C-alpha atoms as a PDB file:
ATOM      1  CA  MET A   1     116.045 -34.068 -51.877  1.00  0.00           C
ATOM      2  CA  MET A   2     118.114 -32.250 -54.411  1.00  0.00           C
ATOM      3  CA  VAL A   3     120.525 -35.279 -54.812  1.00  0.00           C
ATOM      4  CA  LEU A   4     117.416 -37.539 -55.595  1.00  0.00           C
ATOM      5  CA  ALA A   5     116.295 -34.978 -57.947  1.00  0.00           C
ATOM      6  CA  LEU A   6     119.679 -35.152 -59.688  1.00  0.00           C
ATOM      7  CA  ALA A   7     119.526 -39.003 -59.792  1.00  0.00           C
ATOM      8  CA  GLY A   8     116.249 -38.963 -61.226  1.00  0.00           C
ATOM      9  CA  ALA A   9     117.531 -36.625 -64.015  1.00  0.00           C
ATOM     10  CA  ALA A  10     120.236 -38.946 -64.544  1.00  0.00           C
ATOM     11  CA  GLY A  11     117.999 -41.899 -64.719  1.00  0.00           C
ATOM     12  CA  ALA A  12     115.887 -39.896 -67.283  1.00  0.00           C
ATOM     13  CA  ALA A  13     119.099 -39.672 -69.399  1.00  0.00           C
ATOM     14  CA  VAL A  14     120.001 -43.486 -69.332  1.00  0.00           C
ATOM     15  CA  LEU A  15     116.298 -44.425 -70.148  1.00  0.00           C
ATOM     16  CA  SER A  16     116.027 -41.662 -72.944  1.00  0.00           C
ATOM     17  CA  GLY A  17     119.129 -42.556 -74.467  1.00  0.00           C
ATOM     18  CA  THR A  18     118.377 -46.241 -74.768  1.00  0.00           C
ATOM     19  CA  GLY A  19     115.014 -45.351 -76.083  1.00  0.00           C
ATOM     20  CA  GLN A  20     116.598 -43.063 -78.860  1.00  0.00           C
ATOM     21  CA  VAL A  21     118.653 -45.993 -79.961  1.00  0.00           C
ATOM     22  CA  LEU A  22     115.565 -48.587 -80.422  1.00  0.00           C
ATOM     23  CA  GLN A  23     113.665 -45.627 -81.886  1.00  0.00           C
ATOM     24  CA  ALA A  24     116.477 -45.403 -84.486  1.00  0.00           C
ATOM     25  CA  VAL A  25     116.118 -49.350 -85.046  1.00  0.00           C
ATOM     26  CA  ALA A  26     112.478 -48.932 -85.580  1.00  0.00           C
ATOM     27  CA  ALA A  27     112.971 -45.835 -87.968  1.00  0.00           C
ATOM     28  CA  ARG A  28     115.239 -47.887 -90.245  1.00  0.00           C
ATOM     29  CA  ARG A  29     111.885 -50.227 -90.795  1.00  0.00           C
ATOM     30  CA  LEU A  30     109.731 -47.107 -92.149  1.00  0.00           C
ATOM     31  CA  PRO A  31     109.257 -46.834 -95.583  1.00  0.00           C
ATOM     32  CA  ALA A  32     111.216 -44.224 -97.797  1.00  0.00           C
ATOM     33  CA  GLY A  33     109.792 -40.698 -97.563  1.00  0.00           C
ATOM     34  CA  ALA A  34     107.227 -41.271 -94.509  1.00  0.00           C
ATOM     35  CA  HIS A  35     105.814 -38.161 -93.110  1.00  0.00           C
ATOM     36  CA  LEU A  36     103.635 -37.115 -90.292  1.00  0.00           C
ATOM     37  CA  ASP A  37     100.424 -38.339 -90.355  1.00  0.00           C
ATOM     38  CA  LEU A  38      98.167 -41.052 -88.575  1.00  0.00           C
ATOM     39  CA  ARG A  39      99.699 -43.903 -90.900  1.00  0.00           C
ATOM     40  CA  LEU A  40     103.048 -43.291 -89.227  1.00  0.00           C
ATOM     41  CA  VAL A  41     101.467 -43.586 -85.795  1.00  0.00           C
ATOM     42  CA  GLY A  42      99.634 -46.722 -86.842  1.00  0.00           C
ATOM     43  CA  ARG A  43     102.877 -48.336 -88.225  1.00  0.00           C
ATOM     44  CA  LEU A  44     105.009 -47.237 -85.204  1.00  0.00           C
ATOM     45  CA  LEU A  45     102.295 -48.420 -82.365  1.00  0.00           C
ATOM     46  CA  ARG A  46     102.671 -51.853 -84.445  1.00  0.00           C
ATOM     47  CA  ALA A  47     106.204 -52.113 -84.123  1.00  0.00           C
ATOM     48  CA  PRO A  48     107.276 -54.015 -80.691  1.00  0.00           C
ATOM     49  CA  THR A  49     110.780 -52.538 -81.008  1.00  0.00           C
ATOM     50  CA  TYR A  50     109.050 -48.861 -81.029  1.00  0.00           C
ATOM     51  CA  LEU A  51     107.042 -49.811 -78.181  1.00  0.00           C
ATOM     52  CA  VAL A  52     109.730 -50.797 -75.947  1.00  0.00           C
ATOM     53  CA  ALA A  53     111.352 -47.360 -76.897  1.00  0.00           C
ATOM     54  CA  LEU A  54     108.168 -45.430 -76.080  1.00  0.00           C
ATOM     55  CA  LEU A  55     107.964 -47.308 -72.698  1.00  0.00           C
ATOM     56  CA  LEU A  56     111.602 -46.306 -71.906  1.00  0.00           C
ATOM     57  CA  THR A  57     111.202 -42.560 -73.076  1.00  0.00           C
ATOM     58  CA  ALA A  58     107.926 -42.327 -70.971  1.00  0.00           C
ATOM     59  CA  GLY A  59     109.808 -43.608 -67.864  1.00  0.00           C
ATOM     60  CA  GLY A  60     112.375 -41.153 -68.558  1.00  0.00           C
ATOM     61  CA  PHE A  61     109.944 -38.286 -68.594  1.00  0.00           C
ATOM     62  CA  LEU A  62     108.374 -39.269 -65.528  1.00  0.00           C
ATOM     63  CA  LEU A  63     111.807 -39.415 -63.662  1.00  0.00           C
ATOM     64  CA  ALA A  64     112.427 -35.775 -65.249  1.00  0.00           C
ATOM     65  CA  VAL A  65     108.927 -34.664 -64.021  1.00  0.00           C
ATOM     66  CA  VAL A  66     109.815 -35.717 -60.421  1.00  0.00           C
ATOM     67  CA  ALA A  67     113.169 -33.863 -60.662  1.00  0.00           C
ATOM     68  CA  LEU A  68     111.704 -30.700 -62.145  1.00  0.00           C
ATOM     69  CA  GLN A  69     109.403 -30.370 -59.097  1.00  0.00           C
ATOM     70  CA  ARG A  70     112.663 -29.342 -57.293  1.00  0.00           C
ATOM     71  CA  LEU A  71     115.277 -28.222 -59.845  1.00  0.00           C
ATOM     72  CA  PRO A  72     115.507 -25.585 -62.540  1.00  0.00           C
ATOM     73  CA  LEU A  73     114.708 -26.337 -66.032  1.00  0.00           C
ATOM     74  CA  PHE A  74     117.952 -25.703 -67.328  1.00  0.00           C
ATOM     75  CA  VAL A  75     119.617 -28.092 -64.732  1.00  0.00           C
ATOM     76  CA  VAL A  76     117.339 -31.015 -65.421  1.00  0.00           C
ATOM     77  CA  GLN A  77     117.428 -30.494 -69.170  1.00  0.00           C
ATOM     78  CA  SER A  78     121.148 -30.312 -69.158  1.00  0.00           C
ATOM     79  CA  VAL A  79     121.450 -33.417 -67.027  1.00  0.00           C
ATOM     80  CA  ARG A  80     118.995 -35.146 -69.638  1.00  0.00           C
ATOM     81  CA  ALA A  81     121.225 -34.154 -72.289  1.00  0.00           C
ATOM     82  CA  ALA A  82     123.674 -37.061 -70.956  1.00  0.00           C
ATOM     83  CA  ASN A  83     121.294 -39.116 -73.041  1.00  0.00           C
ATOM     84  CA  LEU A  84     123.364 -38.284 -75.962  1.00  0.00           C
ATOM     85  CA  VAL A  85     126.264 -39.869 -74.213  1.00  0.00           C
ATOM     86  CA  VAL A  86     124.081 -42.790 -73.885  1.00  0.00           C
ATOM     87  CA  ALA A  87     122.687 -42.917 -77.183  1.00  0.00           C
ATOM     88  CA  ALA A  88     126.119 -42.465 -78.659  1.00  0.00           C
ATOM     89  CA  LEU A  89     127.767 -45.348 -76.772  1.00  0.00           C
ATOM     90  CA  LEU A  90     124.921 -47.737 -77.214  1.00  0.00           C
ATOM     91  CA  ALA A  91     125.206 -46.893 -81.147  1.00  0.00           C
ATOM     92  CA  ILE A  92     128.515 -48.703 -81.681  1.00  0.00           C
ATOM     93  CA  PRO A  93     127.207 -52.069 -80.765  1.00  0.00           C
ATOM     94  CA  VAL A  94     123.837 -51.944 -81.659  1.00  0.00           C
ATOM     95  CA  LEU A  95     123.841 -49.770 -85.088  1.00  0.00           C
ATOM     96  CA  GLY A  96     127.565 -50.251 -86.133  1.00  0.00           C
ATOM     97  CA  VAL A  97     128.165 -46.459 -85.670  1.00  0.00           C
ATOM     98  CA  ARG A  98     131.959 -45.517 -85.588  1.00  0.00           C
ATOM     99  CA  LEU A  99     132.567 -42.258 -83.289  1.00  0.00           C
ATOM    100  CA  ARG A 100     135.748 -40.175 -84.330  1.00  0.00           C
ATOM    101  CA  ALA A 101     137.810 -37.671 -82.485  1.00  0.00           C
ATOM    102  CA  PRO A 102     135.487 -34.843 -82.617  1.00  0.00           C
ATOM    103  CA  GLU A 103     132.370 -36.684 -81.687  1.00  0.00           C
ATOM    104  CA  TRP A 104     134.290 -37.933 -78.433  1.00  0.00           C
ATOM    105  CA  CYS A 105     135.396 -34.809 -77.834  1.00  0.00           C
ATOM    106  CA  GLY A 106     131.871 -33.380 -77.745  1.00  0.00           C
ATOM    107  CA  ILE A 107     130.714 -36.235 -75.621  1.00  0.00           C
ATOM    108  CA  GLY A 108     133.714 -35.279 -73.106  1.00  0.00           C
ATOM    109  CA  LEU A 109     132.655 -31.544 -72.982  1.00  0.00           C
ATOM    110  CA  VAL A 110     128.879 -32.677 -72.265  1.00  0.00           C
ATOM    111  CA  SER A 111     130.114 -34.869 -69.275  1.00  0.00           C
ATOM    112  CA  THR A 112     132.397 -32.274 -68.033  1.00  0.00           C
ATOM    113  CA  GLY A 113     129.825 -29.759 -68.188  1.00  0.00           C
ATOM    114  CA  LEU A 114     127.187 -31.846 -66.433  1.00  0.00           C
ATOM    115  CA  VAL A 115     129.620 -32.272 -63.388  1.00  0.00           C
ATOM    116  CA  LEU A 116     130.067 -28.414 -63.069  1.00  0.00           C
ATOM    117  CA  LEU A 117     126.446 -27.900 -63.454  1.00  0.00           C
ATOM    118  CA  ALA A 118     125.284 -30.120 -60.720  1.00  0.00           C
ATOM    119  CA  THR A 119     127.532 -28.109 -58.315  1.00  0.00           C
ATOM    120  CA  SER A 120     126.041 -24.837 -59.044  1.00  0.00           C
ATOM    121  CA  VAL A 121     122.451 -25.031 -58.308  1.00  0.00           C
ATOM    122  CA  GLY A 122     120.087 -25.918 -55.320  1.00  0.00           C
ATOM    123  CA  ALA A 123     116.825 -27.121 -54.888  1.00  0.00           C
ATOM    124  CA  GLN A 124     113.931 -24.789 -55.982  1.00  0.00           C
ATOM    125  CA  PRO A 125     110.193 -25.418 -55.885  1.00  0.00           C
ATOM    126  CA  ALA A 126     108.405 -25.680 -59.093  1.00  0.00           C
ATOM    127  CA  ALA A 127     106.188 -22.582 -60.006  1.00  0.00           C
ATOM    128  CA  ALA A 128     102.524 -22.332 -61.690  1.00  0.00           C
ATOM    129  CA  ALA A 129     101.988 -20.470 -64.918  1.00  0.00           C
ATOM    130  CA  GLY A 130      99.106 -18.375 -65.361  1.00  0.00           C
ATOM    131  CA  SER A 131      96.419 -18.813 -68.170  1.00  0.00           C
ATOM    132  CA  THR A 132      98.110 -16.539 -70.893  1.00  0.00           C
ATOM    133  CA  VAL A 133     101.222 -18.710 -70.669  1.00  0.00           C
ATOM    134  CA  GLY A 134      98.974 -21.827 -71.332  1.00  0.00           C
ATOM    135  CA  LEU A 135      97.135 -20.332 -74.269  1.00  0.00           C
ATOM    136  CA  ALA A 136     100.378 -18.916 -75.892  1.00  0.00           C
ATOM    137  CA  ALA A 137     101.781 -22.779 -75.344  1.00  0.00           C
ATOM    138  CA  VAL A 138      98.654 -23.874 -77.108  1.00  0.00           C
ATOM    139  CA  GLY A 139      99.490 -21.587 -80.295  1.00  0.00           C
ATOM    140  CA  VAL A 140     103.277 -22.696 -80.262  1.00  0.00           C
ATOM    141  CA  ALA A 141     102.088 -26.597 -80.009  1.00  0.00           C
ATOM    142  CA  VAL A 142      99.896 -26.027 -83.214  1.00  0.00           C
ATOM    143  CA  ALA A 143     102.535 -24.098 -84.922  1.00  0.00           C
ATOM    144  CA  LEU A 144     104.889 -26.953 -84.179  1.00  0.00           C
ATOM    145  CA  VAL A 145     102.537 -29.477 -85.613  1.00  0.00           C
ATOM    146  CA  ALA A 146     101.925 -27.720 -88.844  1.00  0.00           C
ATOM    147  CA  THR A 147     105.839 -27.106 -89.272  1.00  0.00           C
ATOM    148  CA  GLY A 148     106.711 -30.445 -88.707  1.00  0.00           C
ATOM    149  CA  TRP A 149     104.321 -31.863 -91.457  1.00  0.00           C
ATOM    150  CA  LEU A 150     105.751 -29.326 -93.937  1.00  0.00           C
ATOM    151  CA  VAL A 151     109.071 -30.442 -93.334  1.00  0.00           C
ATOM    152  CA  SER A 152     108.159 -34.086 -93.387  1.00  0.00           C
ATOM    153  CA  VAL A 153     106.585 -34.004 -96.861  1.00  0.00           C
ATOM    154  CA  VAL A 154     109.645 -32.567 -98.450  1.00  0.00           C
ATOM    155  CA  ARG A 155     112.207 -34.660-100.376  1.00  0.00           C
ATOM    156  CA  PRO A 156     114.389 -36.686 -97.746  1.00  0.00           C
ATOM    157  CA  SER A 157     117.579 -35.740 -97.035  1.00  0.00           C
ATOM    158  CA  ARG A 158     119.819 -35.523 -93.906  1.00  0.00           C
ATOM    159  CA  GLY A 159     119.273 -31.739 -93.686  1.00  0.00           C
ATOM    160  CA  ALA A 160     115.432 -32.083 -93.480  1.00  0.00           C
ATOM    161  CA  GLY A 161     116.249 -34.876 -90.752  1.00  0.00           C
ATOM    162  CA  LEU A 162     118.198 -32.401 -88.741  1.00  0.00           C
ATOM    163  CA  VAL A 163     115.409 -29.930 -89.177  1.00  0.00           C
ATOM    164  CA  LEU A 164     112.892 -32.522 -87.956  1.00  0.00           C
ATOM    165  CA  ALA A 165     115.426 -32.970 -85.062  1.00  0.00           C
ATOM    166  CA  ALA A 166     115.291 -29.458 -84.038  1.00  0.00           C
ATOM    167  CA  LEU A 167     111.483 -29.296 -84.274  1.00  0.00           C
ATOM    168  CA  ALA A 168     111.357 -32.466 -82.080  1.00  0.00           C
ATOM    169  CA  GLY A 169     113.576 -30.357 -79.571  1.00  0.00           C
ATOM    170  CA  TRP A 170     110.945 -27.739 -79.239  1.00  0.00           C
ATOM    171  CA  GLY A 171     108.360 -30.302 -78.735  1.00  0.00           C
ATOM    172  CA  PHE A 172     110.361 -31.903 -75.910  1.00  0.00           C
ATOM    173  CA  ALA A 173     111.112 -28.527 -74.568  1.00  0.00           C
ATOM    174  CA  LEU A 174     107.588 -27.501 -74.213  1.00  0.00           C
ATOM    175  CA  LEU A 175     106.487 -30.750 -72.637  1.00  0.00           C
ATOM    176  CA  ALA A 176     109.318 -30.078 -70.025  1.00  0.00           C
ATOM    177  CA  VAL A 177     108.085 -26.509 -69.482  1.00  0.00           C
ATOM    178  CA  GLY A 178     104.584 -27.609 -68.859  1.00  0.00           C
ATOM    179  CA  ALA A 179     105.587 -30.170 -66.630  1.00  0.00           C
ATOM    180  CA  ARG A 180     107.514 -27.409 -64.659  1.00  0.00           C
ATOM    181  CA  LEU A 181     104.878 -24.653 -64.789  1.00  0.00           C
ATOM    182  CA  ALA A 182     101.460 -26.771 -64.922  1.00  0.00           C
ATOM    183  CA  GLY A 183     101.479 -26.868 -60.852  1.00  0.00           C
ATOM    184  CA  PRO A 184      99.875 -29.446 -59.187  1.00  0.00           C
ATOM    185  CA  VAL A 185      96.974 -30.044 -61.801  1.00  0.00           C
ATOM    186  CA  THR A 186      94.749 -33.321 -60.846  1.00  0.00           C
ATOM    187  CA  GLY A 187      91.179 -34.367 -61.509  1.00  0.00           C
ATOM    188  CA  PRO A 188      88.786 -32.922 -64.054  1.00  0.00           C
ATOM    189  CA  ALA A 189      91.043 -29.799 -64.071  1.00  0.00           C
ATOM    190  CA  VAL A 190      93.660 -31.645 -66.192  1.00  0.00           C
ATOM    191  CA  LEU A 191      90.863 -31.442 -69.067  1.00  0.00           C
ATOM    192  CA  THR A 192      90.644 -27.985 -69.007  1.00  0.00           C
ATOM    193  CA  HIS A 193      94.134 -26.804 -68.410  1.00  0.00           C
ATOM    194  CA  PRO A 194      95.509 -25.286 -71.514  1.00  0.00           C
ATOM    195  CA  LEU A 195      99.306 -25.711 -70.671  1.00  0.00           C
ATOM    196  CA  VAL A 196      98.679 -29.402 -69.999  1.00  0.00           C
ATOM    197  CA  TRP A 197      96.995 -30.029 -73.488  1.00  0.00           C
ATOM    198  CA  ALA A 198      99.858 -27.925 -74.941  1.00  0.00           C
ATOM    199  CA  ALA A 199     102.647 -29.961 -73.310  1.00  0.00           C
ATOM    200  CA  MET A 200     100.912 -33.214 -74.164  1.00  0.00           C
ATOM    201  CA  THR A 201     100.592 -32.237 -77.870  1.00  0.00           C
ATOM    202  CA  ALA A 202     104.024 -31.212 -78.300  1.00  0.00           C
ATOM    203  CA  GLY A 203     105.401 -34.281 -76.737  1.00  0.00           C
ATOM    204  CA  VAL A 204     103.462 -36.772 -78.991  1.00  0.00           C
ATOM    205  CA  CYS A 205     104.629 -34.626 -81.743  1.00  0.00           C
ATOM    206  CA  GLY A 206     108.005 -34.479 -80.867  1.00  0.00           C
ATOM    207  CA  LEU A 207     108.250 -38.121 -80.492  1.00  0.00           C
ATOM    208  CA  ALA A 208     106.765 -38.782 -84.239  1.00  0.00           C
ATOM    209  CA  LEU A 209     109.298 -36.127 -85.588  1.00  0.00           C
ATOM    210  CA  GLN A 210     112.112 -37.621 -83.900  1.00  0.00           C
ATOM    211  CA  VAL A 211     111.530 -40.966 -85.418  1.00  0.00           C
ATOM    212  CA  LEU A 212     111.133 -39.377 -88.931  1.00  0.00           C
ATOM    213  CA  ALA A 213     114.712 -37.292 -88.062  1.00  0.00           C
ATOM    214  CA  LEU A 214     116.158 -40.741 -87.385  1.00  0.00           C
ATOM    215  CA  GLY A 215     115.250 -41.992 -90.654  1.00  0.00           C
ATOM    216  CA  ARG A 216     116.886 -39.390 -92.510  1.00  0.00           C
ATOM    217  CA  ALA A 217     119.722 -38.824 -90.584  1.00  0.00           C
ATOM    218  CA  GLY A 218     122.085 -40.788 -87.993  1.00  0.00           C
ATOM    219  CA  VAL A 219     120.980 -41.279 -84.369  1.00  0.00           C
ATOM    220  CA  VAL A 220     123.951 -39.547 -83.139  1.00  0.00           C
ATOM    221  CA  PRO A 221     123.508 -36.143 -84.783  1.00  0.00           C
ATOM    222  CA  VAL A 222     119.837 -36.406 -84.523  1.00  0.00           C
ATOM    223  CA  THR A 223     119.908 -36.942 -80.897  1.00  0.00           C
ATOM    224  CA  ALA A 224     122.537 -34.020 -80.629  1.00  0.00           C
ATOM    225  CA  VAL A 225     120.441 -31.663 -82.393  1.00  0.00           C
ATOM    226  CA  SER A 226     117.348 -32.272 -80.422  1.00  0.00           C
ATOM    227  CA  VAL A 227     118.975 -32.454 -76.926  1.00  0.00           C
ATOM    228  CA  THR A 228     120.657 -28.911 -77.881  1.00  0.00           C
ATOM    229  CA  THR A 229     117.309 -27.425 -79.028  1.00  0.00           C
ATOM    230  CA  GLU A 230     115.574 -28.798 -76.125  1.00  0.00           C
ATOM    231  CA  THR A 231     118.086 -27.860 -73.449  1.00  0.00           C
ATOM    232  CA  CYS A 232     118.463 -24.134 -74.597  1.00  0.00           C
ATOM    233  CA  VAL A 233     114.534 -23.598 -75.307  1.00  0.00           C
ATOM    234  CA  SER A 234     113.645 -25.022 -71.931  1.00  0.00           C
ATOM    235  CA  ALA A 235     116.212 -23.162 -70.100  1.00  0.00           C
ATOM    236  CA  VAL A 236     115.672 -19.751 -71.457  1.00  0.00           C
ATOM    237  CA  LEU A 237     111.710 -20.276 -70.913  1.00  0.00           C
ATOM    238  CA  GLY A 238     112.806 -21.650 -67.366  1.00  0.00           C
ATOM    239  CA  VAL A 239     114.430 -18.342 -66.561  1.00  0.00           C
ATOM    240  CA  LEU A 240     111.792 -16.287 -67.896  1.00  0.00           C
ATOM    241  CA  LEU A 241     108.837 -17.886 -66.934  1.00  0.00           C
ATOM    242  CA  ALA A 242     109.567 -19.795 -63.719  1.00  0.00           C
ATOM    243  CA  GLY A 243     112.495 -17.505 -62.453  1.00  0.00           C
ATOM    244  CA  ASP A 244     115.276 -20.454 -62.108  1.00  0.00           C
ATOM    245  CA  HIS A 245     118.742 -19.401 -61.396  1.00  0.00           C
ATOM    246  CA  ALA A 246     122.110 -20.654 -59.991  1.00  0.00           C
ATOM    247  CA  LEU A 247     123.122 -20.483 -56.534  1.00  0.00           C
ATOM    248  CA  ARG A 248     124.386 -17.253 -55.374  1.00  0.00           C
ATOM    249  CA  GLY A 249     127.782 -16.724 -56.489  1.00  0.00           C
ATOM    250  CA  HIS A 250     127.775 -19.553 -58.662  1.00  0.00           C
ATOM    251  CA  ALA A 251     126.242 -18.073 -61.731  1.00  0.00           C
ATOM    252  CA  PRO A 252     129.593 -18.087 -63.712  1.00  0.00           C
ATOM    253  CA  THR A 253     130.042 -21.771 -63.197  1.00  0.00           C
ATOM    254  CA  ALA A 254     126.505 -22.628 -64.253  1.00  0.00           C
ATOM    255  CA  VAL A 255     126.613 -20.555 -67.656  1.00  0.00           C
ATOM    256  CA  ALA A 256     129.979 -22.190 -68.219  1.00  0.00           C
ATOM    257  CA  ALA A 257     128.702 -25.836 -67.585  1.00  0.00           C
ATOM    258  CA  PHE A 258     125.667 -24.988 -69.899  1.00  0.00           C
ATOM    259  CA  LEU A 259     128.011 -23.681 -72.627  1.00  0.00           C
ATOM    260  CA  LEU A 260     130.082 -26.820 -72.456  1.00  0.00           C
ATOM    261  CA  VAL A 261     126.894 -28.819 -72.824  1.00  0.00           C
ATOM    262  CA  LEU A 262     125.824 -26.730 -75.722  1.00  0.00           C
ATOM    263  CA  VAL A 263     129.035 -26.754 -77.342  1.00  0.00           C
ATOM    264  CA  GLY A 264     129.685 -30.556 -76.949  1.00  0.00           C
ATOM    265  CA  SER A 265     126.247 -31.483 -78.138  1.00  0.00           C
ATOM    266  CA  THR A 266     126.925 -28.903 -81.353  1.00  0.00           C
ATOM    267  CA  LEU A 267     130.066 -30.629 -81.931  1.00  0.00           C
ATOM    268  CA  VAL A 268     128.482 -34.036 -81.849  1.00  0.00           C
ATOM    269  CA  ALA A 269     125.498 -32.713 -84.143  1.00  0.00           C
ATOM    270  CA  ARG A 270     127.809 -31.244 -87.062  1.00  0.00           C
ATOM    271  CA  ALA A 271     129.836 -34.417 -87.590  1.00  0.00           C
ATOM    272  CA  ARG A 272     128.947 -36.842 -90.234  1.00  0.00           C
ATOM    273  CA  VAL A 273     128.976 -40.112 -88.219  1.00  0.00           C
ATOM    274  CA  PRO A 274     129.857 -42.904 -90.456  1.00  0.00           C
ATOM    275  CA  GLU A 275     127.950 -46.407 -90.027  1.00  0.00           C
ATOM    276  CA  ALA A 276     129.637 -49.600 -90.594  1.00  0.00           C
ATOM    277  CA  VAL A 277     126.943 -51.468 -92.081  1.00  0.00           C
ATOM    278  CA  PRO A 278     124.123 -50.547 -94.820  1.00  0.00           C
ATOM    279  CA  SER A 279     120.907 -49.349 -92.791  1.00  0.00           C
ATOM    280  CA  GLY A 280     118.796 -52.222 -94.154  1.00  0.00           C
ATOM    281  CA  ALA A 281     121.258 -54.672 -93.086  1.00  0.00           C
ATOM    282  CA  VAL A 282     120.488 -53.955 -89.237  1.00  0.00           C
ATOM    283  CA  GLN A 283     118.268 -56.146 -87.648  1.00  0.00           C
ATOM    284  CA  PRO A 284     116.141 -54.724 -84.804  1.00  0.00           C
ATOM    285  CA  LEU A 285     116.884 -56.092 -81.105  1.00  0.00           C
ATOM    286  CA  ILE A 286     113.004 -57.189 -81.178  1.00  0.00           C
ATOM    287  CA  PRO A 287     111.769 -58.093 -84.552  1.00  0.00           C
ATOM    288  CA  ASP A 288     108.911 -56.132 -85.895  1.00  0.00           C
ATOM    289  CA  PRO A 289     106.014 -58.068 -87.836  1.00  0.00           C
ATOM    290  CA  ARG A 290     105.873 -57.215 -91.185  1.00  0.00           C
END
């Protein structure tokens, strides 16, 4: 079962990384200075490229949810961090991105960390959180939406794009925490469970913020920042709230692997990845109607 859970997390990384590149294609067709509002949602839902990206991302999340029922948050999120590798490699032919030595080094560190991490953990059942955690998550989700809107209305810049990417990472982390801690919630109980509402709100907000970030900064650094933030936040919350841990005697390996993933992601995030062609010259894989 643990092998299947790891395979699910790896599949989630592939789907999410591919969706990230398609989101970058869709983001290039947004008007300059677009910000977090209902008009942004409307534009995205009318763009076939983004809808395909959304389906891939949703499929990746469903695989991650399955993995989260058996594996700790820090493991699933670290394996999903491989979407950085997928996005970086796909960005070369699709977006004309040219990776340099630091980016390749970062990708190598992430890959090495994932291999080590897979050997340091065992299966752990999902835990259920109490109502206090759910209400706290609702407060975080509301703060995320408000902060995201404030950052999105400032003058567009690469720095603002990376801040939006970090906020998107927070949204995805809260979504993952909700999937890990909500427990078996079915039927009408879904409508009254605060953690479910908080996770859904954070996830949708994260998707919108990520597209805005992609329109302000490159796909590789945006993916790196969002992945690093998501991995760190969810790992800490998993340890504190769900009791996640490594196998006995493997804690040093797990910590070292986790740090390799973070250092590799950060190395990619700090680099300014050049693009071979102007953004307006790149045509989407699936034409968007104007």
